[in-house]
Amino acid sequence: MRFLADLNIESQVIRRLREKNHEVLSAADDFVGAPDEVVLAASTSQNRVIITNDKDFAELAFLQRKASAGIILVRMAKSSSGEKARRVAEVVDEMGRRLASAMTVIEAHAVRRRELPK
C-alpha cells in the first residue's frame, strides 16, 4: 500500500512499513512546514493513506468534508516507538485495502474503522 506519514509519526513506524514493502513518504522529508490541508490534498492526489497521531486530519475529512484517500490515527501515547511500529504494521497487514477510504483508529488493544464521507 501507499502511505504518507505525518510529521509526528516515529521513524520506526515508517521503517517497519517499508520493510514490509509498503511505499511510505514522510512529511518530514517532503512537506516540512506545510499546513495539514496541503498534506491531506497531496495524500489524496497521490492515493496515499495518511498515518498520523493528530486528530486534525479527522476534522478536515469529517467536519470540513475534505477528500481523503484514508486516514490512520495512531492513539498509543503510552507505547514505545517499537510497540507502535509493530502494532501499525500488524493492523496494516490485517486490514489491507480496507484502510482506503476510511478513518482507522489504532490503539494498543483495539481498532476502530469508519468510512470517510464521499
N, C-alpha and C. Protein backbone atom coordinates (compact mmCIF):
# COMPACT_ATOMS: atom_id res chain seq x y z
N MET A 1 0.84 -1.18 0.00
CA MET A 1 0.00 0.00 0.00
C MET A 1 0.88 1.24 0.00
N ARG A 2 0.23 2.37 -0.24
CA ARG A 2 0.92 3.65 -0.29
C ARG A 2 0.47 4.51 0.89
N PHE A 3 1.44 5.04 1.61
CA PHE A 3 1.16 5.84 2.80
C PHE A 3 1.92 7.16 2.76
N LEU A 4 1.40 8.12 3.51
CA LEU A 4 2.10 9.36 3.78
C LEU A 4 2.11 9.52 5.30
N ALA A 5 3.30 9.45 5.89
CA ALA A 5 3.44 9.55 7.34
C ALA A 5 3.56 11.01 7.73
N ASP A 6 2.69 11.45 8.61
CA ASP A 6 2.70 12.82 9.10
C ASP A 6 3.99 13.09 9.88
N LEU A 7 4.27 14.36 10.12
CA LEU A 7 5.49 14.77 10.83
C LEU A 7 5.63 14.10 12.19
N ASN A 8 4.52 13.79 12.85
CA ASN A 8 4.57 13.27 14.21
C ASN A 8 4.69 11.74 14.29
N ILE A 9 4.84 11.09 13.18
CA ILE A 9 4.98 9.63 13.18
C ILE A 9 6.46 9.25 13.31
N GLU A 10 6.71 8.39 14.27
CA GLU A 10 8.08 7.98 14.56
C GLU A 10 8.72 7.24 13.37
N SER A 11 10.01 7.42 13.25
CA SER A 11 10.74 6.80 12.14
C SER A 11 10.66 5.28 12.19
N GLN A 12 10.52 4.69 13.38
CA GLN A 12 10.41 3.23 13.48
C GLN A 12 9.16 2.72 12.79
N VAL A 13 8.07 3.48 12.85
CA VAL A 13 6.83 3.09 12.17
C VAL A 13 7.06 3.09 10.66
N ILE A 14 7.69 4.15 10.17
CA ILE A 14 7.98 4.27 8.74
C ILE A 14 8.88 3.13 8.28
N ARG A 15 9.95 2.88 9.03
CA ARG A 15 10.88 1.80 8.67
C ARG A 15 10.18 0.45 8.63
N ARG A 16 9.36 0.17 9.63
CA ARG A 16 8.69 -1.13 9.69
C ARG A 16 7.79 -1.34 8.48
N LEU A 17 7.05 -0.31 8.10
CA LEU A 17 6.16 -0.44 6.94
C LEU A 17 6.98 -0.60 5.65
N ARG A 18 8.06 0.12 5.54
CA ARG A 18 8.92 -0.03 4.35
C ARG A 18 9.53 -1.42 4.29
N GLU A 19 9.91 -1.97 5.43
CA GLU A 19 10.45 -3.33 5.47
C GLU A 19 9.42 -4.35 4.97
N LYS A 20 8.15 -4.02 5.14
CA LYS A 20 7.08 -4.90 4.67
C LYS A 20 6.64 -4.53 3.25
N ASN A 21 7.50 -3.79 2.55
CA ASN A 21 7.33 -3.43 1.14
C ASN A 21 6.18 -2.48 0.86
N HIS A 22 5.83 -1.65 1.83
CA HIS A 22 4.86 -0.59 1.60
C HIS A 22 5.61 0.66 1.18
N GLU A 23 4.99 1.44 0.33
CA GLU A 23 5.59 2.68 -0.14
C GLU A 23 5.17 3.80 0.82
N VAL A 24 6.12 4.34 1.56
CA VAL A 24 5.82 5.33 2.59
C VAL A 24 6.62 6.60 2.35
N LEU A 25 5.90 7.70 2.10
CA LEU A 25 6.52 9.02 2.07
C LEU A 25 6.45 9.59 3.47
N SER A 26 7.42 10.41 3.81
CA SER A 26 7.43 11.06 5.11
C SER A 26 7.22 12.56 4.93
N ALA A 27 6.24 13.11 5.63
CA ALA A 27 6.01 14.56 5.59
C ALA A 27 7.24 15.31 6.09
N ALA A 28 8.03 14.68 6.97
CA ALA A 28 9.25 15.30 7.47
C ALA A 28 10.26 15.53 6.34
N ASP A 29 10.18 14.73 5.30
CA ASP A 29 11.08 14.90 4.15
C ASP A 29 10.46 15.76 3.06
N ASP A 30 9.16 15.62 2.85
CA ASP A 30 8.53 16.21 1.67
C ASP A 30 7.59 17.38 1.94
N PHE A 31 7.15 17.56 3.19
CA PHE A 31 6.15 18.59 3.47
C PHE A 31 6.45 19.38 4.75
N VAL A 32 7.70 19.64 5.02
CA VAL A 32 8.08 20.37 6.22
C VAL A 32 7.42 21.75 6.21
N GLY A 33 6.71 22.06 7.28
CA GLY A 33 6.07 23.36 7.40
C GLY A 33 4.77 23.51 6.65
N ALA A 34 4.36 22.50 5.91
CA ALA A 34 3.12 22.59 5.13
C ALA A 34 1.92 22.42 6.06
N PRO A 35 0.86 23.20 5.84
CA PRO A 35 -0.34 23.01 6.66
C PRO A 35 -1.00 21.66 6.38
N ASP A 36 -1.80 21.21 7.34
CA ASP A 36 -2.47 19.91 7.20
C ASP A 36 -3.29 19.81 5.92
N GLU A 37 -3.92 20.90 5.49
CA GLU A 37 -4.73 20.88 4.27
C GLU A 37 -3.89 20.51 3.05
N VAL A 38 -2.66 21.01 3.00
CA VAL A 38 -1.76 20.71 1.88
C VAL A 38 -1.33 19.24 1.93
N VAL A 39 -1.01 18.76 3.12
CA VAL A 39 -0.60 17.36 3.28
C VAL A 39 -1.76 16.43 2.90
N LEU A 40 -2.97 16.76 3.35
CA LEU A 40 -4.14 15.96 3.01
C LEU A 40 -4.39 15.95 1.51
N ALA A 41 -4.32 17.11 0.88
CA ALA A 41 -4.54 17.19 -0.57
C ALA A 41 -3.49 16.38 -1.32
N ALA A 42 -2.24 16.44 -0.89
CA ALA A 42 -1.18 15.67 -1.55
C ALA A 42 -1.41 14.17 -1.39
N SER A 43 -1.79 13.76 -0.19
CA SER A 43 -2.03 12.32 0.02
C SER A 43 -3.19 11.84 -0.83
N THR A 44 -4.20 12.68 -0.97
CA THR A 44 -5.37 12.30 -1.78
C THR A 44 -5.00 12.21 -3.25
N SER A 45 -4.29 13.22 -3.75
CA SER A 45 -3.92 13.22 -5.18
C SER A 45 -2.97 12.07 -5.52
N GLN A 46 -2.18 11.63 -4.54
CA GLN A 46 -1.24 10.53 -4.77
C GLN A 46 -1.81 9.18 -4.31
N ASN A 47 -3.07 9.19 -3.87
CA ASN A 47 -3.74 7.98 -3.38
C ASN A 47 -2.93 7.31 -2.27
N ARG A 48 -2.59 8.09 -1.25
CA ARG A 48 -1.84 7.60 -0.10
C ARG A 48 -2.68 7.76 1.16
N VAL A 49 -2.69 6.76 1.98
CA VAL A 49 -3.36 6.82 3.28
C VAL A 49 -2.43 7.55 4.24
N ILE A 50 -2.97 8.54 4.94
CA ILE A 50 -2.18 9.29 5.91
C ILE A 50 -2.09 8.50 7.21
N ILE A 51 -0.89 8.48 7.79
CA ILE A 51 -0.69 7.91 9.12
C ILE A 51 -0.30 9.07 10.02
N THR A 52 -1.03 9.25 11.12
CA THR A 52 -0.81 10.41 11.98
C THR A 52 -1.14 10.10 13.43
N ASN A 53 -0.64 10.95 14.32
CA ASN A 53 -1.03 10.93 15.73
C ASN A 53 -1.98 12.09 16.02
N ASP A 54 -2.33 12.83 14.99
CA ASP A 54 -3.01 14.12 15.10
C ASP A 54 -4.47 14.01 14.65
N LYS A 55 -5.40 14.44 15.50
CA LYS A 55 -6.82 14.38 15.18
C LYS A 55 -7.25 15.40 14.13
N ASP A 56 -6.39 16.33 13.77
CA ASP A 56 -6.76 17.40 12.83
C ASP A 56 -7.19 16.85 11.47
N PHE A 57 -6.59 15.76 11.02
CA PHE A 57 -6.98 15.20 9.72
C PHE A 57 -8.40 14.65 9.75
N ALA A 58 -8.80 14.11 10.88
CA ALA A 58 -10.19 13.64 11.02
C ALA A 58 -11.15 14.82 10.92
N GLU A 59 -10.80 15.93 11.53
CA GLU A 59 -11.64 17.12 11.45
C GLU A 59 -11.76 17.60 10.00
N LEU A 60 -10.65 17.61 9.29
CA LEU A 60 -10.69 18.03 7.89
C LEU A 60 -11.58 17.11 7.06
N ALA A 61 -11.47 15.81 7.29
CA ALA A 61 -12.23 14.84 6.49
C ALA A 61 -13.71 14.80 6.87
N PHE A 62 -14.01 14.80 8.14
CA PHE A 62 -15.40 14.63 8.58
C PHE A 62 -16.16 15.94 8.72
N LEU A 63 -15.56 16.92 9.35
CA LEU A 63 -16.29 18.17 9.59
C LEU A 63 -16.23 19.12 8.39
N GLN A 64 -15.06 19.19 7.75
CA GLN A 64 -14.92 20.10 6.61
C GLN A 64 -15.14 19.39 5.28
N ARG A 65 -15.35 18.07 5.34
CA ARG A 65 -15.65 17.28 4.14
C ARG A 65 -14.56 17.35 3.06
N LYS A 66 -13.31 17.43 3.49
CA LYS A 66 -12.18 17.41 2.55
C LYS A 66 -11.96 15.97 2.09
N ALA A 67 -11.64 15.80 0.84
CA ALA A 67 -11.40 14.47 0.28
C ALA A 67 -10.16 13.84 0.93
N SER A 68 -10.20 12.53 1.07
CA SER A 68 -9.08 11.80 1.64
C SER A 68 -9.04 10.39 1.09
N ALA A 69 -7.83 9.89 0.86
CA ALA A 69 -7.65 8.51 0.42
C ALA A 69 -7.75 7.54 1.59
N GLY A 70 -7.70 8.07 2.80
CA GLY A 70 -7.77 7.26 4.02
C GLY A 70 -6.89 7.88 5.09
N ILE A 71 -7.25 7.62 6.35
CA ILE A 71 -6.51 8.16 7.49
C ILE A 71 -6.34 7.06 8.52
N ILE A 72 -5.12 6.90 8.99
CA ILE A 72 -4.85 6.03 10.13
C ILE A 72 -4.44 6.94 11.27
N LEU A 73 -5.20 6.91 12.34
CA LEU A 73 -4.92 7.71 13.53
C LEU A 73 -4.37 6.77 14.59
N VAL A 74 -3.10 6.97 14.96
CA VAL A 74 -2.44 6.13 15.95
C VAL A 74 -2.63 6.76 17.33
N ARG A 75 -3.33 6.08 18.21
CA ARG A 75 -3.63 6.59 19.56
C ARG A 75 -2.97 5.66 20.57
N MET A 76 -1.65 5.75 20.67
CA MET A 76 -0.89 4.87 21.56
C MET A 76 0.15 5.69 22.31
N ALA A 77 -0.28 6.74 22.99
CA ALA A 77 0.62 7.69 23.65
C ALA A 77 1.55 7.04 24.67
N LYS A 78 1.11 6.00 25.34
CA LYS A 78 1.92 5.38 26.39
C LYS A 78 2.80 4.24 25.86
N SER A 79 2.76 4.01 24.57
CA SER A 79 3.52 2.91 23.97
C SER A 79 4.85 3.42 23.43
N SER A 80 5.83 2.53 23.40
CA SER A 80 7.13 2.87 22.82
C SER A 80 7.02 2.95 21.30
N SER A 81 8.02 3.54 20.68
CA SER A 81 8.05 3.61 19.21
C SER A 81 8.04 2.22 18.59
N GLY A 82 8.75 1.29 19.20
CA GLY A 82 8.77 -0.08 18.70
C GLY A 82 7.42 -0.74 18.77
N GLU A 83 6.70 -0.52 19.89
CA GLU A 83 5.36 -1.09 20.03
C GLU A 83 4.41 -0.49 18.99
N LYS A 84 4.53 0.81 18.76
CA LYS A 84 3.69 1.46 17.74
C LYS A 84 3.98 0.89 16.36
N ALA A 85 5.26 0.74 16.05
CA ALA A 85 5.65 0.21 14.74
C ALA A 85 5.08 -1.19 14.53
N ARG A 86 5.20 -2.04 15.55
CA ARG A 86 4.68 -3.40 15.45
C ARG A 86 3.17 -3.40 15.28
N ARG A 87 2.48 -2.59 16.06
CA ARG A 87 1.02 -2.56 16.03
C ARG A 87 0.48 -2.01 14.72
N VAL A 88 1.08 -0.93 14.22
CA VAL A 88 0.63 -0.35 12.95
C VAL A 88 0.84 -1.35 11.82
N ALA A 89 2.01 -1.97 11.78
CA ALA A 89 2.28 -2.96 10.73
C ALA A 89 1.31 -4.14 10.81
N GLU A 90 0.99 -4.57 12.03
CA GLU A 90 0.04 -5.66 12.24
C GLU A 90 -1.34 -5.30 11.69
N VAL A 91 -1.81 -4.10 12.00
CA VAL A 91 -3.13 -3.67 11.53
C VAL A 91 -3.14 -3.50 10.01
N VAL A 92 -2.07 -2.95 9.46
CA VAL A 92 -1.99 -2.80 8.00
C VAL A 92 -2.05 -4.17 7.34
N ASP A 93 -1.33 -5.14 7.88
CA ASP A 93 -1.38 -6.50 7.32
C ASP A 93 -2.78 -7.09 7.41
N GLU A 94 -3.45 -6.90 8.54
CA GLU A 94 -4.78 -7.48 8.75
C GLU A 94 -5.86 -6.82 7.89
N MET A 95 -5.80 -5.49 7.79
CA MET A 95 -6.89 -4.76 7.14
C MET A 95 -6.64 -4.48 5.67
N GLY A 96 -5.41 -4.38 5.26
CA GLY A 96 -5.08 -4.17 3.86
C GLY A 96 -5.85 -3.04 3.21
N ARG A 97 -6.48 -3.33 2.09
CA ARG A 97 -7.19 -2.33 1.29
C ARG A 97 -8.38 -1.70 2.02
N ARG A 98 -8.85 -2.31 3.09
CA ARG A 98 -9.97 -1.73 3.84
C ARG A 98 -9.56 -0.43 4.53
N LEU A 99 -8.25 -0.14 4.56
CA LEU A 99 -7.78 1.12 5.14
C LEU A 99 -8.09 2.30 4.21
N ALA A 100 -8.20 2.03 2.92
CA ALA A 100 -8.51 3.09 1.97
C ALA A 100 -9.94 3.57 2.17
N SER A 101 -10.14 4.85 2.00
CA SER A 101 -11.47 5.47 2.11
C SER A 101 -12.09 5.34 3.50
N ALA A 102 -11.25 5.18 4.51
CA ALA A 102 -11.76 5.03 5.88
C ALA A 102 -10.85 5.76 6.86
N MET A 103 -11.42 6.05 8.01
CA MET A 103 -10.68 6.55 9.15
C MET A 103 -10.50 5.36 10.07
N THR A 104 -9.26 4.97 10.29
CA THR A 104 -8.96 3.83 11.13
C THR A 104 -8.18 4.31 12.35
N VAL A 105 -8.70 4.02 13.52
CA VAL A 105 -8.04 4.41 14.77
C VAL A 105 -7.38 3.16 15.35
N ILE A 106 -6.07 3.25 15.53
CA ILE A 106 -5.32 2.12 16.08
C ILE A 106 -4.93 2.46 17.52
N GLU A 107 -5.37 1.59 18.42
CA GLU A 107 -4.99 1.67 19.83
C GLU A 107 -4.22 0.40 20.18
N ALA A 108 -3.67 0.35 21.36
CA ALA A 108 -2.86 -0.80 21.76
C ALA A 108 -3.63 -2.11 21.66
N HIS A 109 -4.93 -2.10 22.04
CA HIS A 109 -5.69 -3.34 22.07
C HIS A 109 -7.01 -3.27 21.31
N ALA A 110 -7.15 -2.26 20.46
CA ALA A 110 -8.40 -2.12 19.71
C ALA A 110 -8.15 -1.39 18.40
N VAL A 111 -9.04 -1.64 17.45
CA VAL A 111 -9.02 -0.94 16.16
C VAL A 111 -10.46 -0.56 15.84
N ARG A 112 -10.65 0.70 15.45
CA ARG A 112 -11.97 1.16 15.03
C ARG A 112 -11.84 1.69 13.61
N ARG A 113 -12.85 1.41 12.80
CA ARG A 113 -12.84 1.86 11.40
C ARG A 113 -14.17 2.50 11.08
N ARG A 114 -14.11 3.63 10.39
CA ARG A 114 -15.32 4.33 9.96
C ARG A 114 -15.09 4.85 8.54
N GLU A 115 -16.07 4.59 7.67
CA GLU A 115 -15.97 5.08 6.29
C GLU A 115 -15.89 6.59 6.27
N LEU A 116 -15.07 7.13 5.38
CA LEU A 116 -14.98 8.57 5.19
C LEU A 116 -16.15 9.07 4.36
N PRO A 117 -16.56 10.33 4.55
CA PRO A 117 -17.64 10.88 3.72
C PRO A 117 -17.21 10.89 2.25
N LYS A 118 -18.17 10.75 1.39
CA LYS A 118 -17.90 10.79 -0.05
C LYS A 118 -17.89 12.21 -0.54
